[in-house]
Amino acid sequence: MAARLKDVAALAGVSVRTVSNVVSNAAPVAPATRARVMAAVEELGYRPNLAARNLRQGRTGLIGVVVPEIHSPYFGALAGLLIDAARERGWTVLLERTGGRPDLERRLLDGSEGHQVDGMIVSPWSTSPAELASLAGGLPLVVLGELAPDGSIDHVALDNVAAARDAARHLVAGGRRRVAAIGLQSGLGHGTAELRAEGFRQGLREAGLSPVAEVEVADLHRGEGARALRELLRRSGRPDAVFCFSDELALGALRVAAEEGVRVPEDLAVMGFDDIEDGRFATPSLTTIAPDREQIAERAVQCLTERVLGRFEALPGRRIVVPHRVVTRESTGAAAYPDAGDHR
């Protein structure tokens, strides 16, 4: 006979309600009590009937995760972490990719695609802050990235200005004085590139410096990083460092540096942003800004769970800023710089 909720409660020495709160993440439970309940769940082989529970509570058990790209290493890794965090809380994830298309972002938000979900975690590239809440129509929503709406929508993001400022400080601390940036995107509305550009300029201004160049890109992938560095190398007064607004851009730049006989880091320091796995295995390995992706996923799913369960219905939207750190590797001269640690 299958174990029941009351069997778990009896073995753990707690109430049935406490067991229910643990297995459904419906309310906070003391860590020691949670551990005791989970040990009893494991010993008895208890498996909650999620479909029946959701039916009783008028929910589907599904949440939507909407990201602009899946093939991007950053968004691919983040999507995986979001799925893991959701599964731990009993949710099943419906994953959608928009390509940054405003029409698809809007259709997914307003329900035109026909998906029945209890809430959504969205990383929008095109939809304006004013549209987000109205399109969702009361559906619990958590926004990732820079489009932070007012009102009741929770927002989980990195401090891109502070992170890019730390990148500039890192390069200046290594003696670099002719520093360029690769990654501006004036045609996109999500604001990430603009914030990273502002932080980069702030970091240089602190040292009495200005960027020697800021190169626009069509996207944040390797091909554009390669094209941008070729452009910089053709100019007079080559930079002695480049800060790329993504690791993929930096990997493209590293390839061109090798092809052109530019030594990294002796002639040119290269720094990225995102801390994707490829950067650790590049030659030379890539110095980067590492956002805390695990916290982004955990906090986003927790915020959405709380909204779906109605615990914070009356509260205004929460803005949660996750930490980042500078990860020093060979592309800026690992021996020259200590790891800058966490920046919160």
C-alpha atoms as a PDB file:
ATOM      1  CA  MET A   1       0.000   0.000   0.000  1.00  0.00           C
ATOM      2  CA  ALA A   2       1.347   3.430  -0.956  1.00  0.00           C
ATOM      3  CA  ALA A   3       2.454   5.705   1.850  1.00  0.00           C
ATOM      4  CA  ARG A   4       0.075   8.511   2.752  1.00  0.00           C
ATOM      5  CA  LEU A   5       0.648  12.031   4.044  1.00  0.00           C
ATOM      6  CA  LYS A   6      -0.362  11.010   7.569  1.00  0.00           C
ATOM      7  CA  ASP A   7       2.146   8.123   7.500  1.00  0.00           C
ATOM      8  CA  VAL A   8       4.957  10.576   6.801  1.00  0.00           C
ATOM      9  CA  ALA A   9       3.679  12.889   9.549  1.00  0.00           C
ATOM     10  CA  ALA A  10       3.620  10.050  12.080  1.00  0.00           C
ATOM     11  CA  LEU A  11       7.149   8.901  11.254  1.00  0.00           C
ATOM     12  CA  ALA A  12       8.555  12.443  11.307  1.00  0.00           C
ATOM     13  CA  GLY A  13       6.648  13.370  14.475  1.00  0.00           C
ATOM     14  CA  VAL A  14       4.994  16.427  12.940  1.00  0.00           C
ATOM     15  CA  SER A  15       1.512  17.434  11.818  1.00  0.00           C
ATOM     16  CA  VAL A  16       0.021  16.545   8.446  1.00  0.00           C
ATOM     17  CA  ARG A  17      -0.058  20.271   7.621  1.00  0.00           C
ATOM     18  CA  THR A  18       3.695  20.537   8.214  1.00  0.00           C
ATOM     19  CA  VAL A  19       4.347  17.627   5.845  1.00  0.00           C
ATOM     20  CA  SER A  20       2.085  19.271   3.258  1.00  0.00           C
ATOM     21  CA  ASN A  21       3.975  22.551   3.619  1.00  0.00           C
ATOM     22  CA  VAL A  22       7.298  20.772   3.090  1.00  0.00           C
ATOM     23  CA  VAL A  23       6.341  18.727   0.015  1.00  0.00           C
ATOM     24  CA  SER A  24       4.496  21.611  -1.672  1.00  0.00           C
ATOM     25  CA  ASN A  25       6.743  24.486  -0.524  1.00  0.00           C
ATOM     26  CA  ALA A  26       3.535  26.180   0.577  1.00  0.00           C
ATOM     27  CA  ALA A  27       5.018  27.839   3.685  1.00  0.00           C
ATOM     28  CA  PRO A  28       8.408  28.256   5.383  1.00  0.00           C
ATOM     29  CA  VAL A  29       9.448  25.317   7.573  1.00  0.00           C
ATOM     30  CA  ALA A  30      12.424  25.197   9.961  1.00  0.00           C
ATOM     31  CA  PRO A  31      15.449  23.499   8.317  1.00  0.00           C
ATOM     32  CA  ALA A  32      15.672  20.776  10.981  1.00  0.00           C
ATOM     33  CA  THR A  33      11.962  19.976  10.642  1.00  0.00           C
ATOM     34  CA  ARG A  34      12.197  19.978   6.844  1.00  0.00           C
ATOM     35  CA  ALA A  35      15.138  17.556   7.003  1.00  0.00           C
ATOM     36  CA  ARG A  36      13.168  15.235   9.309  1.00  0.00           C
ATOM     37  CA  VAL A  37      10.154  15.281   7.014  1.00  0.00           C
ATOM     38  CA  MET A  38      12.262  14.647   3.898  1.00  0.00           C
ATOM     39  CA  ALA A  39      13.992  11.723   5.620  1.00  0.00           C
ATOM     40  CA  ALA A  40      10.566  10.223   6.370  1.00  0.00           C
ATOM     41  CA  VAL A  41       9.439  10.840   2.771  1.00  0.00           C
ATOM     42  CA  GLU A  42      12.513   8.995   1.529  1.00  0.00           C
ATOM     43  CA  GLU A  43      12.175   6.122   3.985  1.00  0.00           C
ATOM     44  CA  LEU A  44       8.501   5.526   3.176  1.00  0.00           C
ATOM     45  CA  GLY A  45       8.832   6.187  -0.550  1.00  0.00           C
ATOM     46  CA  TYR A  46       6.039   8.766  -0.370  1.00  0.00           C
ATOM     47  CA  ARG A  47       5.175  10.423  -3.691  1.00  0.00           C
ATOM     48  CA  PRO A  48       2.689  13.305  -3.664  1.00  0.00           C
ATOM     49  CA  ASN A  49      -0.077  13.247  -6.264  1.00  0.00           C
ATOM     50  CA  LEU A  50       0.725  16.595  -7.817  1.00  0.00           C
ATOM     51  CA  ALA A  51      -1.975  16.393 -10.475  1.00  0.00           C
ATOM     52  CA  ALA A  52      -4.711  15.858  -7.877  1.00  0.00           C
ATOM     53  CA  ARG A  53      -3.339  18.595  -5.642  1.00  0.00           C
ATOM     54  CA  ASN A  54      -3.210  21.101  -8.487  1.00  0.00           C
ATOM     55  CA  LEU A  55      -6.729  20.182  -9.577  1.00  0.00           C
ATOM     56  CA  ARG A  56      -8.043  20.779  -6.065  1.00  0.00           C
ATOM     57  CA  GLN A  57      -6.275  24.129  -5.884  1.00  0.00           C
ATOM     58  CA  GLY A  58      -7.319  25.289  -9.355  1.00  0.00           C
ATOM     59  CA  ARG A  59      -3.791  25.265 -10.757  1.00  0.00           C
ATOM     60  CA  THR A  60      -2.085  23.530 -13.670  1.00  0.00           C
ATOM     61  CA  GLY A  61       1.280  22.898 -11.999  1.00  0.00           C
ATOM     62  CA  LEU A  62       2.944  24.532 -15.024  1.00  0.00           C
ATOM     63  CA  ILE A  63       5.006  27.723 -15.123  1.00  0.00           C
ATOM     64  CA  GLY A  64       6.315  29.374 -18.247  1.00  0.00           C
ATOM     65  CA  VAL A  65       9.952  30.376 -18.722  1.00  0.00           C
ATOM     66  CA  VAL A  66      10.464  32.766 -21.630  1.00  0.00           C
ATOM     67  CA  VAL A  67      14.006  33.610 -22.755  1.00  0.00           C
ATOM     68  CA  PRO A  68      15.268  35.309 -25.923  1.00  0.00           C
ATOM     69  CA  GLU A  69      17.713  32.547 -26.875  1.00  0.00           C
ATOM     70  CA  ILE A  70      18.359  28.887 -26.141  1.00  0.00           C
ATOM     71  CA  HIS A  71      21.517  28.436 -28.237  1.00  0.00           C
ATOM     72  CA  SER A  72      23.301  31.136 -26.214  1.00  0.00           C
ATOM     73  CA  PRO A  73      25.432  29.440 -23.515  1.00  0.00           C
ATOM     74  CA  TYR A  74      24.335  32.010 -20.926  1.00  0.00           C
ATOM     75  CA  PHE A  75      20.598  31.658 -21.490  1.00  0.00           C
ATOM     76  CA  GLY A  76      20.867  27.905 -22.004  1.00  0.00           C
ATOM     77  CA  ALA A  77      22.557  27.495 -18.617  1.00  0.00           C
ATOM     78  CA  LEU A  78      20.104  29.878 -16.943  1.00  0.00           C
ATOM     79  CA  ALA A  79      17.121  28.010 -18.384  1.00  0.00           C
ATOM     80  CA  GLY A  80      18.506  24.753 -16.985  1.00  0.00           C
ATOM     81  CA  LEU A  81      18.903  26.291 -13.535  1.00  0.00           C
ATOM     82  CA  LEU A  82      15.364  27.685 -13.651  1.00  0.00           C
ATOM     83  CA  ILE A  83      14.022  24.231 -14.534  1.00  0.00           C
ATOM     84  CA  ASP A  84      15.962  22.680 -11.635  1.00  0.00           C
ATOM     85  CA  ALA A  85      14.713  25.289  -9.157  1.00  0.00           C
ATOM     86  CA  ALA A  86      11.139  24.858 -10.390  1.00  0.00           C
ATOM     87  CA  ARG A  87      11.287  21.068 -10.154  1.00  0.00           C
ATOM     88  CA  GLU A  88      12.426  21.301  -6.520  1.00  0.00           C
ATOM     89  CA  ARG A  89       9.202  23.201  -5.795  1.00  0.00           C
ATOM     90  CA  GLY A  90       6.953  20.795  -7.669  1.00  0.00           C
ATOM     91  CA  TRP A  91       6.532  22.841 -10.854  1.00  0.00           C
ATOM     92  CA  THR A  92       6.833  21.653 -14.422  1.00  0.00           C
ATOM     93  CA  VAL A  93       8.363  24.207 -16.810  1.00  0.00           C
ATOM     94  CA  LEU A  94       7.136  25.143 -20.265  1.00  0.00           C
ATOM     95  CA  LEU A  95      10.175  26.692 -21.980  1.00  0.00           C
ATOM     96  CA  GLU A  96       9.749  29.216 -24.816  1.00  0.00           C
ATOM     97  CA  ARG A  97      12.272  31.084 -26.968  1.00  0.00           C
ATOM     98  CA  THR A  98      11.353  34.456 -28.480  1.00  0.00           C
ATOM     99  CA  GLY A  99      14.465  35.493 -30.420  1.00  0.00           C
ATOM    100  CA  GLY A 100      13.771  38.948 -28.981  1.00  0.00           C
ATOM    101  CA  ARG A 101      10.784  39.340 -31.336  1.00  0.00           C
ATOM    102  CA  PRO A 102       8.286  41.808 -29.858  1.00  0.00           C
ATOM    103  CA  ASP A 103       5.284  40.086 -31.468  1.00  0.00           C
ATOM    104  CA  LEU A 104       6.175  36.715 -29.935  1.00  0.00           C
ATOM    105  CA  GLU A 105       6.941  38.228 -26.530  1.00  0.00           C
ATOM    106  CA  ARG A 106       3.511  39.872 -26.523  1.00  0.00           C
ATOM    107  CA  ARG A 107       1.652  36.755 -27.664  1.00  0.00           C
ATOM    108  CA  LEU A 108       3.267  34.662 -24.938  1.00  0.00           C
ATOM    109  CA  LEU A 109       2.486  37.247 -22.276  1.00  0.00           C
ATOM    110  CA  ASP A 110      -1.147  37.842 -23.248  1.00  0.00           C
ATOM    111  CA  GLY A 111      -1.983  34.147 -23.623  1.00  0.00           C
ATOM    112  CA  SER A 112      -2.485  34.200 -27.402  1.00  0.00           C
ATOM    113  CA  GLU A 113      -0.286  31.103 -27.745  1.00  0.00           C
ATOM    114  CA  GLY A 114      -2.846  29.140 -25.736  1.00  0.00           C
ATOM    115  CA  HIS A 115      -0.526  27.890 -22.969  1.00  0.00           C
ATOM    116  CA  GLN A 116      -2.240  27.420 -19.612  1.00  0.00           C
ATOM    117  CA  VAL A 117       0.330  28.273 -16.946  1.00  0.00           C
ATOM    118  CA  ASP A 118       0.111  29.403 -13.331  1.00  0.00           C
ATOM    119  CA  GLY A 119       2.771  32.094 -13.775  1.00  0.00           C
ATOM    120  CA  MET A 120       5.684  33.156 -15.936  1.00  0.00           C
ATOM    121  CA  ILE A 121       9.364  34.056 -15.620  1.00  0.00           C
ATOM    122  CA  VAL A 122      10.265  36.297 -18.545  1.00  0.00           C
ATOM    123  CA  SER A 123      13.492  37.789 -19.891  1.00  0.00           C
ATOM    124  CA  PRO A 124      12.133  40.343 -22.382  1.00  0.00           C
ATOM    125  CA  TRP A 125      14.206  42.099 -25.010  1.00  0.00           C
ATOM    126  CA  SER A 126      11.569  44.138 -26.777  1.00  0.00           C
ATOM    127  CA  THR A 127       8.427  44.571 -24.708  1.00  0.00           C
ATOM    128  CA  SER A 128       8.335  47.873 -22.846  1.00  0.00           C
ATOM    129  CA  PRO A 129       7.878  48.032 -19.056  1.00  0.00           C
ATOM    130  CA  ALA A 130       4.485  49.672 -19.487  1.00  0.00           C
ATOM    131  CA  GLU A 131       3.226  46.734 -21.554  1.00  0.00           C
ATOM    132  CA  LEU A 132       4.371  43.884 -19.312  1.00  0.00           C
ATOM    133  CA  ALA A 133       1.740  44.070 -16.583  1.00  0.00           C
ATOM    134  CA  SER A 134      -1.140  44.875 -18.901  1.00  0.00           C
ATOM    135  CA  LEU A 135      -0.287  42.017 -21.259  1.00  0.00           C
ATOM    136  CA  ALA A 136      -0.013  39.522 -18.398  1.00  0.00           C
ATOM    137  CA  GLY A 137      -3.508  40.483 -17.239  1.00  0.00           C
ATOM    138  CA  GLY A 138      -2.989  39.576 -13.594  1.00  0.00           C
ATOM    139  CA  LEU A 139      -0.970  36.410 -14.258  1.00  0.00           C
ATOM    140  CA  PRO A 140       1.848  36.145 -11.669  1.00  0.00           C
ATOM    141  CA  LEU A 141       5.000  37.355 -13.402  1.00  0.00           C
ATOM    142  CA  VAL A 142       8.710  37.681 -12.595  1.00  0.00           C
ATOM    143  CA  VAL A 143      10.925  39.702 -14.918  1.00  0.00           C
ATOM    144  CA  LEU A 144      14.628  38.982 -15.460  1.00  0.00           C
ATOM    145  CA  GLY A 145      17.036  41.535 -16.871  1.00  0.00           C
ATOM    146  CA  GLU A 146      16.754  45.259 -17.286  1.00  0.00           C
ATOM    147  CA  LEU A 147      13.122  45.900 -18.159  1.00  0.00           C
ATOM    148  CA  ALA A 148      11.962  46.537 -14.616  1.00  0.00           C
ATOM    149  CA  PRO A 149       8.263  47.450 -14.511  1.00  0.00           C
ATOM    150  CA  ASP A 150       6.572  49.423 -11.776  1.00  0.00           C
ATOM    151  CA  GLY A 151       3.647  48.007  -9.832  1.00  0.00           C
ATOM    152  CA  SER A 152       3.231  44.466  -8.627  1.00  0.00           C
ATOM    153  CA  ILE A 153       5.748  42.631 -10.824  1.00  0.00           C
ATOM    154  CA  ASP A 154       8.870  41.208  -9.188  1.00  0.00           C
ATOM    155  CA  HIS A 155      12.204  41.837 -10.880  1.00  0.00           C
ATOM    156  CA  VAL A 156      15.430  39.816 -10.471  1.00  0.00           C
ATOM    157  CA  ALA A 157      18.565  41.252 -12.023  1.00  0.00           C
ATOM    158  CA  LEU A 158      22.291  41.852 -11.895  1.00  0.00           C
ATOM    159  CA  ASP A 159      23.664  45.342 -11.245  1.00  0.00           C
ATOM    160  CA  ASN A 160      25.134  45.732 -14.721  1.00  0.00           C
ATOM    161  CA  VAL A 161      26.547  49.195 -14.013  1.00  0.00           C
ATOM    162  CA  ALA A 162      28.482  47.989 -10.960  1.00  0.00           C
ATOM    163  CA  ALA A 163      29.649  44.828 -12.737  1.00  0.00           C
ATOM    164  CA  ALA A 164      30.983  46.689 -15.776  1.00  0.00           C
ATOM    165  CA  ARG A 165      32.610  49.283 -13.511  1.00  0.00           C
ATOM    166  CA  ASP A 166      34.450  46.459 -11.759  1.00  0.00           C
ATOM    167  CA  ALA A 167      35.597  45.146 -15.144  1.00  0.00           C
ATOM    168  CA  ALA A 168      37.079  48.528 -16.042  1.00  0.00           C
ATOM    169  CA  ARG A 169      38.743  48.822 -12.640  1.00  0.00           C
ATOM    170  CA  HIS A 170      40.257  45.383 -13.122  1.00  0.00           C
ATOM    171  CA  LEU A 171      41.804  46.337 -16.461  1.00  0.00           C
ATOM    172  CA  VAL A 172      43.108  49.667 -15.152  1.00  0.00           C
ATOM    173  CA  ALA A 173      44.615  47.935 -12.109  1.00  0.00           C
ATOM    174  CA  GLY A 174      46.670  45.836 -14.513  1.00  0.00           C
ATOM    175  CA  GLY A 175      48.233  48.935 -16.042  1.00  0.00           C
ATOM    176  CA  ARG A 176      45.968  49.188 -19.113  1.00  0.00           C
ATOM    177  CA  ARG A 177      45.400  52.736 -20.334  1.00  0.00           C
ATOM    178  CA  ARG A 178      44.007  52.382 -23.866  1.00  0.00           C
ATOM    179  CA  VAL A 179      40.813  50.486 -23.150  1.00  0.00           C
ATOM    180  CA  ALA A 180      38.070  49.802 -25.681  1.00  0.00           C
ATOM    181  CA  ALA A 181      34.618  48.261 -25.369  1.00  0.00           C
ATOM    182  CA  ILE A 182      32.870  45.807 -27.689  1.00  0.00           C
ATOM    183  CA  GLY A 183      29.147  45.272 -27.323  1.00  0.00           C
ATOM    184  CA  LEU A 184      27.097  48.464 -27.644  1.00  0.00           C
ATOM    185  CA  GLN A 185      23.595  47.821 -29.049  1.00  0.00           C
ATOM    186  CA  SER A 186      21.777  51.104 -29.560  1.00  0.00           C
ATOM    187  CA  GLY A 187      19.018  49.418 -31.575  1.00  0.00           C
ATOM    188  CA  LEU A 188      17.752  47.209 -28.738  1.00  0.00           C
ATOM    189  CA  GLY A 189      15.389  48.378 -26.049  1.00  0.00           C
ATOM    190  CA  HIS A 190      16.260  46.087 -23.133  1.00  0.00           C
ATOM    191  CA  GLY A 191      19.003  48.388 -21.821  1.00  0.00           C
ATOM    192  CA  THR A 192      21.663  45.866 -20.801  1.00  0.00           C
ATOM    193  CA  ALA A 193      24.325  47.149 -23.192  1.00  0.00           C
ATOM    194  CA  GLU A 194      23.676  50.762 -22.213  1.00  0.00           C
ATOM    195  CA  LEU A 195      24.089  49.954 -18.513  1.00  0.00           C
ATOM    196  CA  ARG A 196      27.301  48.019 -19.119  1.00  0.00           C
ATOM    197  CA  ALA A 197      28.629  50.892 -21.223  1.00  0.00           C
ATOM    198  CA  GLU A 198      27.832  53.344 -18.433  1.00  0.00           C
ATOM    199  CA  GLY A 199      29.569  51.244 -15.793  1.00  0.00           C
ATOM    200  CA  PHE A 200      32.582  50.768 -18.078  1.00  0.00           C
ATOM    201  CA  ARG A 201      32.902  54.542 -18.569  1.00  0.00           C
ATOM    202  CA  GLN A 202      32.531  55.175 -14.840  1.00  0.00           C
ATOM    203  CA  GLY A 203      35.359  52.773 -14.056  1.00  0.00           C
ATOM    204  CA  LEU A 204      37.646  54.480 -16.529  1.00  0.00           C
ATOM    205  CA  ARG A 205      36.706  57.971 -15.337  1.00  0.00           C
ATOM    206  CA  GLU A 206      37.787  57.048 -11.816  1.00  0.00           C
ATOM    207  CA  ALA A 207      41.298  56.631 -13.242  1.00  0.00           C
ATOM    208  CA  GLY A 208      41.121  59.806 -15.339  1.00  0.00           C
ATOM    209  CA  LEU A 209      40.658  57.816 -18.557  1.00  0.00           C
ATOM    210  CA  SER A 210      38.164  57.674 -21.411  1.00  0.00           C
ATOM    211  CA  PRO A 211      37.384  54.765 -23.756  1.00  0.00           C
ATOM    212  CA  VAL A 212      39.596  54.768 -26.860  1.00  0.00           C
ATOM    213  CA  ALA A 213      36.692  53.171 -28.763  1.00  0.00           C
ATOM    214  CA  GLU A 214      33.232  51.693 -28.241  1.00  0.00           C
ATOM    215  CA  VAL A 215      32.163  49.327 -31.003  1.00  0.00           C
ATOM    216  CA  GLU A 216      28.541  48.571 -31.856  1.00  0.00           C
ATOM    217  CA  VAL A 217      27.519  44.972 -32.526  1.00  0.00           C
ATOM    218  CA  ALA A 218      24.481  43.361 -34.116  1.00  0.00           C
ATOM    219  CA  ASP A 219      24.384  40.626 -31.476  1.00  0.00           C
ATOM    220  CA  LEU A 220      26.488  39.288 -28.602  1.00  0.00           C
ATOM    221  CA  HIS A 221      27.899  36.229 -30.363  1.00  0.00           C
ATOM    222  CA  ARG A 222      31.382  35.175 -31.495  1.00  0.00           C
ATOM    223  CA  GLY A 223      31.158  36.410 -35.071  1.00  0.00           C
ATOM    224  CA  GLU A 224      30.464  39.972 -33.997  1.00  0.00           C
ATOM    225  CA  GLY A 225      33.301  39.875 -31.469  1.00  0.00           C
ATOM    226  CA  ALA A 226      35.674  38.783 -34.226  1.00  0.00           C
ATOM    227  CA  ARG A 227      34.454  41.495 -36.596  1.00  0.00           C
ATOM    228  CA  ALA A 228      34.685  44.190 -33.912  1.00  0.00           C
ATOM    229  CA  LEU A 229      38.270  43.366 -32.952  1.00  0.00           C
ATOM    230  CA  ARG A 230      39.351  43.326 -36.606  1.00  0.00           C
ATOM    231  CA  GLU A 231      37.879  46.796 -36.896  1.00  0.00           C
ATOM    232  CA  LEU A 232      39.771  47.983 -33.816  1.00  0.00           C
ATOM    233  CA  LEU A 233      43.067  46.513 -35.023  1.00  0.00           C
ATOM    234  CA  ARG A 234      42.758  48.380 -38.324  1.00  0.00           C
ATOM    235  CA  ARG A 235      42.537  51.723 -36.545  1.00  0.00           C
ATOM    236  CA  SER A 236      45.527  53.814 -35.574  1.00  0.00           C
ATOM    237  CA  GLY A 237      46.343  53.710 -31.876  1.00  0.00           C
ATOM    238  CA  ARG A 238      45.411  50.151 -31.077  1.00  0.00           C
ATOM    239  CA  PRO A 239      43.880  49.469 -27.642  1.00  0.00           C
ATOM    240  CA  ASP A 240      45.870  47.617 -25.011  1.00  0.00           C
ATOM    241  CA  ALA A 241      42.671  46.129 -23.527  1.00  0.00           C
ATOM    242  CA  VAL A 242      39.134  45.332 -24.651  1.00  0.00           C
ATOM    243  CA  PHE A 243      36.118  44.768 -22.441  1.00  0.00           C
ATOM    244  CA  CYS A 244      33.509  42.671 -24.248  1.00  0.00           C
ATOM    245  CA  PHE A 245      29.905  42.780 -23.050  1.00  0.00           C
ATOM    246  CA  SER A 246      29.605  38.984 -23.333  1.00  0.00           C
ATOM    247  CA  ASP A 247      31.984  36.043 -23.181  1.00  0.00           C
ATOM    248  CA  GLU A 248      30.939  35.014 -26.684  1.00  0.00           C
ATOM    249  CA  LEU A 249      32.095  38.374 -28.037  1.00  0.00           C
ATOM    250  CA  ALA A 250      35.359  37.929 -26.145  1.00  0.00           C
ATOM    251  CA  LEU A 251      35.903  34.439 -27.582  1.00  0.00           C
ATOM    252  CA  GLY A 252      35.502  35.830 -31.090  1.00  0.00           C
ATOM    253  CA  ALA A 253      37.995  38.560 -30.245  1.00  0.00           C
ATOM    254  CA  LEU A 254      40.493  36.011 -28.892  1.00  0.00           C
ATOM    255  CA  ARG A 255      40.331  34.117 -32.177  1.00  0.00           C
ATOM    256  CA  VAL A 256      41.116  37.211 -34.240  1.00  0.00           C
ATOM    257  CA  ALA A 257      43.939  38.210 -31.890  1.00  0.00           C
ATOM    258  CA  ALA A 258      45.540  34.804 -32.471  1.00  0.00           C
ATOM    259  CA  GLU A 259      45.093  35.074 -36.255  1.00  0.00           C
ATOM    260  CA  GLU A 260      46.644  38.566 -36.320  1.00  0.00           C
ATOM    261  CA  GLY A 261      49.609  37.686 -34.112  1.00  0.00           C
ATOM    262  CA  VAL A 262      48.417  39.894 -31.242  1.00  0.00           C
ATOM    263  CA  ARG A 263      49.615  38.356 -27.985  1.00  0.00           C
ATOM    264  CA  VAL A 264      47.041  38.050 -25.211  1.00  0.00           C
ATOM    265  CA  PRO A 265      47.577  39.343 -22.574  1.00  0.00           C
ATOM    266  CA  GLU A 266      51.033  40.801 -23.392  1.00  0.00           C
ATOM    267  CA  ASP A 267      49.842  43.086 -26.217  1.00  0.00           C
ATOM    268  CA  LEU A 268      46.127  43.073 -25.505  1.00  0.00           C
ATOM    269  CA  ALA A 269      44.088  42.159 -22.418  1.00  0.00           C
ATOM    270  CA  VAL A 270      40.673  40.661 -23.206  1.00  0.00           C
ATOM    271  CA  MET A 271      37.835  40.514 -20.702  1.00  0.00           C
ATOM    272  CA  GLY A 272      34.327  39.112 -21.081  1.00  0.00           C
ATOM    273  CA  PHE A 273      31.048  38.980 -19.199  1.00  0.00           C
ATOM    274  CA  ASP A 274      28.851  35.967 -18.201  1.00  0.00           C
ATOM    275  CA  ASP A 275      31.384  33.284 -17.131  1.00  0.00           C
ATOM    276  CA  ILE A 276      30.253  30.656 -19.628  1.00  0.00           C
ATOM    277  CA  GLU A 277      32.022  27.307 -19.558  1.00  0.00           C
ATOM    278  CA  ASP A 278      33.772  27.855 -22.917  1.00  0.00           C
ATOM    279  CA  GLY A 279      35.735  30.744 -21.408  1.00  0.00           C
ATOM    280  CA  ARG A 280      37.414  28.482 -18.875  1.00  0.00           C
ATOM    281  CA  PHE A 281      38.745  26.247 -21.646  1.00  0.00           C
ATOM    282  CA  ALA A 282      39.785  28.945 -24.145  1.00  0.00           C
ATOM    283  CA  THR A 283      43.456  29.541 -24.906  1.00  0.00           C
ATOM    284  CA  PRO A 284      44.225  31.760 -23.096  1.00  0.00           C
ATOM    285  CA  SER A 285      41.476  31.207 -20.540  1.00  0.00           C
ATOM    286  CA  LEU A 286      39.083  34.134 -20.333  1.00  0.00           C
ATOM    287  CA  THR A 287      38.846  36.673 -17.516  1.00  0.00           C
ATOM    288  CA  THR A 288      35.195  37.548 -17.000  1.00  0.00           C
ATOM    289  CA  ILE A 289      32.398  38.908 -14.852  1.00  0.00           C
ATOM    290  CA  ALA A 290      30.484  36.026 -13.265  1.00  0.00           C
ATOM    291  CA  PRO A 291      26.848  36.740 -12.377  1.00  0.00           C
ATOM    292  CA  ASP A 292      25.383  34.451  -9.744  1.00  0.00           C
ATOM    293  CA  ARG A 293      23.104  32.513 -12.111  1.00  0.00           C
ATOM    294  CA  GLU A 294      22.108  30.070  -9.378  1.00  0.00           C
ATOM    295  CA  GLN A 295      20.739  32.936  -7.292  1.00  0.00           C
ATOM    296  CA  ILE A 296      18.950  34.441 -10.276  1.00  0.00           C
ATOM    297  CA  ALA A 297      17.156  31.136 -10.827  1.00  0.00           C
ATOM    298  CA  GLU A 298      16.447  30.442  -7.150  1.00  0.00           C
ATOM    299  CA  ARG A 299      15.139  33.914  -6.377  1.00  0.00           C
ATOM    300  CA  ALA A 300      13.051  34.125  -9.554  1.00  0.00           C
ATOM    301  CA  VAL A 301      11.330  30.773  -8.961  1.00  0.00           C
ATOM    302  CA  GLN A 302      10.824  31.510  -5.261  1.00  0.00           C
ATOM    303  CA  CYS A 303       9.264  34.907  -6.049  1.00  0.00           C
ATOM    304  CA  LEU A 304       6.951  33.355  -8.617  1.00  0.00           C
ATOM    305  CA  THR A 305       5.963  30.532  -6.261  1.00  0.00           C
ATOM    306  CA  GLU A 306       5.080  33.040  -3.551  1.00  0.00           C
ATOM    307  CA  ARG A 307       2.960  35.073  -5.966  1.00  0.00           C
ATOM    308  CA  VAL A 308       1.158  32.017  -7.348  1.00  0.00           C
ATOM    309  CA  LEU A 309       0.378  30.783  -3.830  1.00  0.00           C
ATOM    310  CA  GLY A 310      -0.957  34.236  -2.952  1.00  0.00           C
ATOM    311  CA  ARG A 311       1.398  34.922  -0.062  1.00  0.00           C
ATOM    312  CA  PHE A 312       2.446  38.387  -1.270  1.00  0.00           C
ATOM    313  CA  GLU A 313      -0.563  39.455  -3.320  1.00  0.00           C
ATOM    314  CA  ALA A 314      -0.854  42.848  -1.646  1.00  0.00           C
ATOM    315  CA  LEU A 315       2.835  43.714  -1.764  1.00  0.00           C
ATOM    316  CA  PRO A 316       4.327  45.930  -4.494  1.00  0.00           C
ATOM    317  CA  GLY A 317       6.850  44.461  -6.883  1.00  0.00           C
ATOM    318  CA  ARG A 318      10.179  43.485  -5.380  1.00  0.00           C
ATOM    319  CA  ARG A 319      13.531  44.324  -7.008  1.00  0.00           C
ATOM    320  CA  ILE A 320      16.152  41.709  -6.188  1.00  0.00           C
ATOM    321  CA  VAL A 321      19.774  42.349  -7.169  1.00  0.00           C
ATOM    322  CA  VAL A 322      22.032  39.296  -7.276  1.00  0.00           C
ATOM    323  CA  PRO A 323      25.810  39.377  -6.683  1.00  0.00           C
ATOM    324  CA  HIS A 324      28.594  39.148  -9.241  1.00  0.00           C
ATOM    325  CA  ARG A 325      32.351  38.657  -9.062  1.00  0.00           C
ATOM    326  CA  VAL A 326      35.429  39.209 -11.184  1.00  0.00           C
ATOM    327  CA  VAL A 327      36.982  35.896 -12.243  1.00  0.00           C
ATOM    328  CA  THR A 328      40.620  36.435 -13.185  1.00  0.00           C
ATOM    329  CA  ARG A 329      42.192  34.134 -15.763  1.00  0.00           C
ATOM    330  CA  GLU A 330      44.993  34.220 -18.328  1.00  0.00           C
ATOM    331  CA  SER A 331      43.513  36.681 -20.827  1.00  0.00           C
ATOM    332  CA  THR A 332      44.265  39.625 -18.537  1.00  0.00           C
ATOM    333  CA  GLY A 333      47.324  38.117 -16.855  1.00  0.00           C
ATOM    334  CA  ALA A 334      46.141  35.869 -14.037  1.00  0.00           C
ATOM    335  CA  ALA A 335      49.345  36.301 -12.043  1.00  0.00           C
ATOM    336  CA  ALA A 336      48.943  40.078 -12.004  1.00  0.00           C
ATOM    337  CA  TYR A 337      45.495  40.257 -10.463  1.00  0.00           C
ATOM    338  CA  PRO A 338      44.001  38.635  -7.393  1.00  0.00           C
ATOM    339  CA  ASP A 339      40.390  37.499  -7.783  1.00  0.00           C
ATOM    340  CA  ALA A 340      38.289  40.530  -6.914  1.00  0.00           C
ATOM    341  CA  GLY A 341      35.790  38.357  -5.053  1.00  0.00           C
ATOM    342  CA  ASP A 342      32.067  38.898  -4.651  1.00  0.00           C
ATOM    343  CA  HIS A 343      30.482  42.281  -5.371  1.00  0.00           C
ATOM    344  CA  ARG A 344      26.983  42.609  -3.984  1.00  0.00           C
END
